[in-house]
Amino acid sequence: MQGRDGIWRTPAQADGKGFPDLVLVRDRIVFAELKGHKYRKLEPEQIRWREDIEGAGGEYHLWYPEDRDKIIDVLR
């Protein structure tokens, strides 16, 4: 959901703070954190989620607007 300040936010409840923006499912599960031009660094909660997902063997990606070609390759 986009806030009044133009920043996109993903609603989270309970301990979901920092959970990746996207969970994409087809023949595998892809977790993706999306960052824009203004906020480029992961927050501590986002780092913990990345570590937990990768530690469990999950596929995690951190994507920026300029990563369009890389994103398309991953999703192909």
C-alpha atoms as a PDB file:
ATOM      1  CA  MET A   1       0.000   0.000   0.000  1.00  0.00           C
ATOM      2  CA  GLN A   2       1.332   3.415  -0.880  1.00  0.00           C
ATOM      3  CA  GLY A   3       1.296   5.985   1.905  1.00  0.00           C
ATOM      4  CA  ARG A   4       0.543   9.667   1.583  1.00  0.00           C
ATOM      5  CA  ASP A   5       4.263  10.375   1.391  1.00  0.00           C
ATOM      6  CA  GLY A   6       4.528   8.262  -1.773  1.00  0.00           C
ATOM      7  CA  ILE A   7       6.396   5.428  -0.043  1.00  0.00           C
ATOM      8  CA  TRP A   8       5.121   1.889  -0.529  1.00  0.00           C
ATOM      9  CA  ARG A   9       4.507  -0.087   2.654  1.00  0.00           C
ATOM     10  CA  THR A  10       3.622  -3.714   3.235  1.00  0.00           C
ATOM     11  CA  PRO A  11       1.247  -4.323   6.150  1.00  0.00           C
ATOM     12  CA  ALA A  12       2.683  -6.652   8.781  1.00  0.00           C
ATOM     13  CA  GLN A  13       1.280  -8.008  12.007  1.00  0.00           C
ATOM     14  CA  ALA A  14       2.815  -9.722  15.049  1.00  0.00           C
ATOM     15  CA  ASP A  15       6.519 -10.439  14.431  1.00  0.00           C
ATOM     16  CA  GLY A  16       6.234  -9.768  10.686  1.00  0.00           C
ATOM     17  CA  LYS A  17       8.167  -6.503  10.839  1.00  0.00           C
ATOM     18  CA  GLY A  18      10.820  -6.564   8.149  1.00  0.00           C
ATOM     19  CA  PHE A  19       9.295  -9.514   6.261  1.00  0.00           C
ATOM     20  CA  PRO A  20      10.106  -9.377   2.517  1.00  0.00           C
ATOM     21  CA  ASP A  21       7.782  -7.378   0.282  1.00  0.00           C
ATOM     22  CA  LEU A  22       7.088 -10.260  -2.094  1.00  0.00           C
ATOM     23  CA  VAL A  23       6.704 -14.016  -1.787  1.00  0.00           C
ATOM     24  CA  LEU A  24       6.434 -15.456  -5.288  1.00  0.00           C
ATOM     25  CA  VAL A  25       5.379 -19.078  -5.790  1.00  0.00           C
ATOM     26  CA  ARG A  26       5.442 -21.179  -8.918  1.00  0.00           C
ATOM     27  CA  ASP A  27       7.905 -24.042  -9.291  1.00  0.00           C
ATOM     28  CA  ARG A  28       9.867 -22.588  -6.361  1.00  0.00           C
ATOM     29  CA  ILE A  29       9.417 -19.947  -3.679  1.00  0.00           C
ATOM     30  CA  VAL A  30      11.185 -16.604  -4.119  1.00  0.00           C
ATOM     31  CA  PHE A  31      11.359 -14.026  -1.331  1.00  0.00           C
ATOM     32  CA  ALA A  32      12.102 -10.502  -2.541  1.00  0.00           C
ATOM     33  CA  GLU A  33      12.768  -7.258  -0.704  1.00  0.00           C
ATOM     34  CA  LEU A  34      12.182  -4.203  -2.879  1.00  0.00           C
ATOM     35  CA  LYS A  35      14.125  -1.014  -2.307  1.00  0.00           C
ATOM     36  CA  GLY A  36      13.741   2.306  -4.056  1.00  0.00           C
ATOM     37  CA  HIS A  37      16.108   5.138  -4.723  1.00  0.00           C
ATOM     38  CA  LYS A  38      15.534   6.797  -1.355  1.00  0.00           C
ATOM     39  CA  TYR A  39      15.830   3.848   1.054  1.00  0.00           C
ATOM     40  CA  ARG A  40      18.600   1.553  -0.158  1.00  0.00           C
ATOM     41  CA  LYS A  41      19.737  -0.175   3.023  1.00  0.00           C
ATOM     42  CA  LEU A  42      18.087  -3.046   4.821  1.00  0.00           C
ATOM     43  CA  GLU A  43      16.719  -2.373   8.283  1.00  0.00           C
ATOM     44  CA  PRO A  44      17.902  -4.701  11.091  1.00  0.00           C
ATOM     45  CA  GLU A  45      14.598  -6.635  11.008  1.00  0.00           C
ATOM     46  CA  GLN A  46      14.968  -7.109   7.254  1.00  0.00           C
ATOM     47  CA  ILE A  47      18.490  -8.425   7.724  1.00  0.00           C
ATOM     48  CA  ARG A  48      17.235 -10.945  10.291  1.00  0.00           C
ATOM     49  CA  TRP A  49      14.532 -12.163   7.917  1.00  0.00           C
ATOM     50  CA  ARG A  50      17.078 -12.487   5.089  1.00  0.00           C
ATOM     51  CA  GLU A  51      19.388 -14.509   7.333  1.00  0.00           C
ATOM     52  CA  ASP A  52      16.544 -16.749   8.526  1.00  0.00           C
ATOM     53  CA  ILE A  53      15.226 -17.342   5.005  1.00  0.00           C
ATOM     54  CA  GLU A  54      18.666 -18.092   3.555  1.00  0.00           C
ATOM     55  CA  GLY A  55      19.572 -20.188   6.606  1.00  0.00           C
ATOM     56  CA  ALA A  56      16.515 -22.344   5.928  1.00  0.00           C
ATOM     57  CA  GLY A  57      17.577 -22.772   2.290  1.00  0.00           C
ATOM     58  CA  GLY A  58      15.187 -20.150   0.912  1.00  0.00           C
ATOM     59  CA  GLU A  59      15.790 -18.061  -2.188  1.00  0.00           C
ATOM     60  CA  TYR A  60      16.071 -14.410  -1.152  1.00  0.00           C
ATOM     61  CA  HIS A  61      16.658 -11.403  -3.379  1.00  0.00           C
ATOM     62  CA  LEU A  62      17.193  -7.715  -2.711  1.00  0.00           C
ATOM     63  CA  TRP A  63      16.026  -5.740  -5.736  1.00  0.00           C
ATOM     64  CA  TYR A  64      16.342  -2.093  -6.752  1.00  0.00           C
ATOM     65  CA  PRO A  65      14.590  -0.327  -9.671  1.00  0.00           C
ATOM     66  CA  GLU A  66      17.708  -0.627 -11.810  1.00  0.00           C
ATOM     67  CA  ASP A  67      17.700  -4.448 -11.388  1.00  0.00           C
ATOM     68  CA  ARG A  68      14.931  -4.958 -13.955  1.00  0.00           C
ATOM     69  CA  ASP A  69      16.971  -7.302 -16.192  1.00  0.00           C
ATOM     70  CA  LYS A  70      18.198  -9.321 -13.208  1.00  0.00           C
ATOM     71  CA  ILE A  71      14.627  -9.614 -11.880  1.00  0.00           C
ATOM     72  CA  ILE A  72      13.386 -10.865 -15.248  1.00  0.00           C
ATOM     73  CA  ASP A  73      16.170 -13.493 -15.340  1.00  0.00           C
ATOM     74  CA  VAL A  74      15.309 -14.728 -11.844  1.00  0.00           C
ATOM     75  CA  LEU A  75      11.607 -14.978 -12.627  1.00  0.00           C
ATOM     76  CA  ARG A  76      12.053 -16.672 -16.002  1.00  0.00           C
END
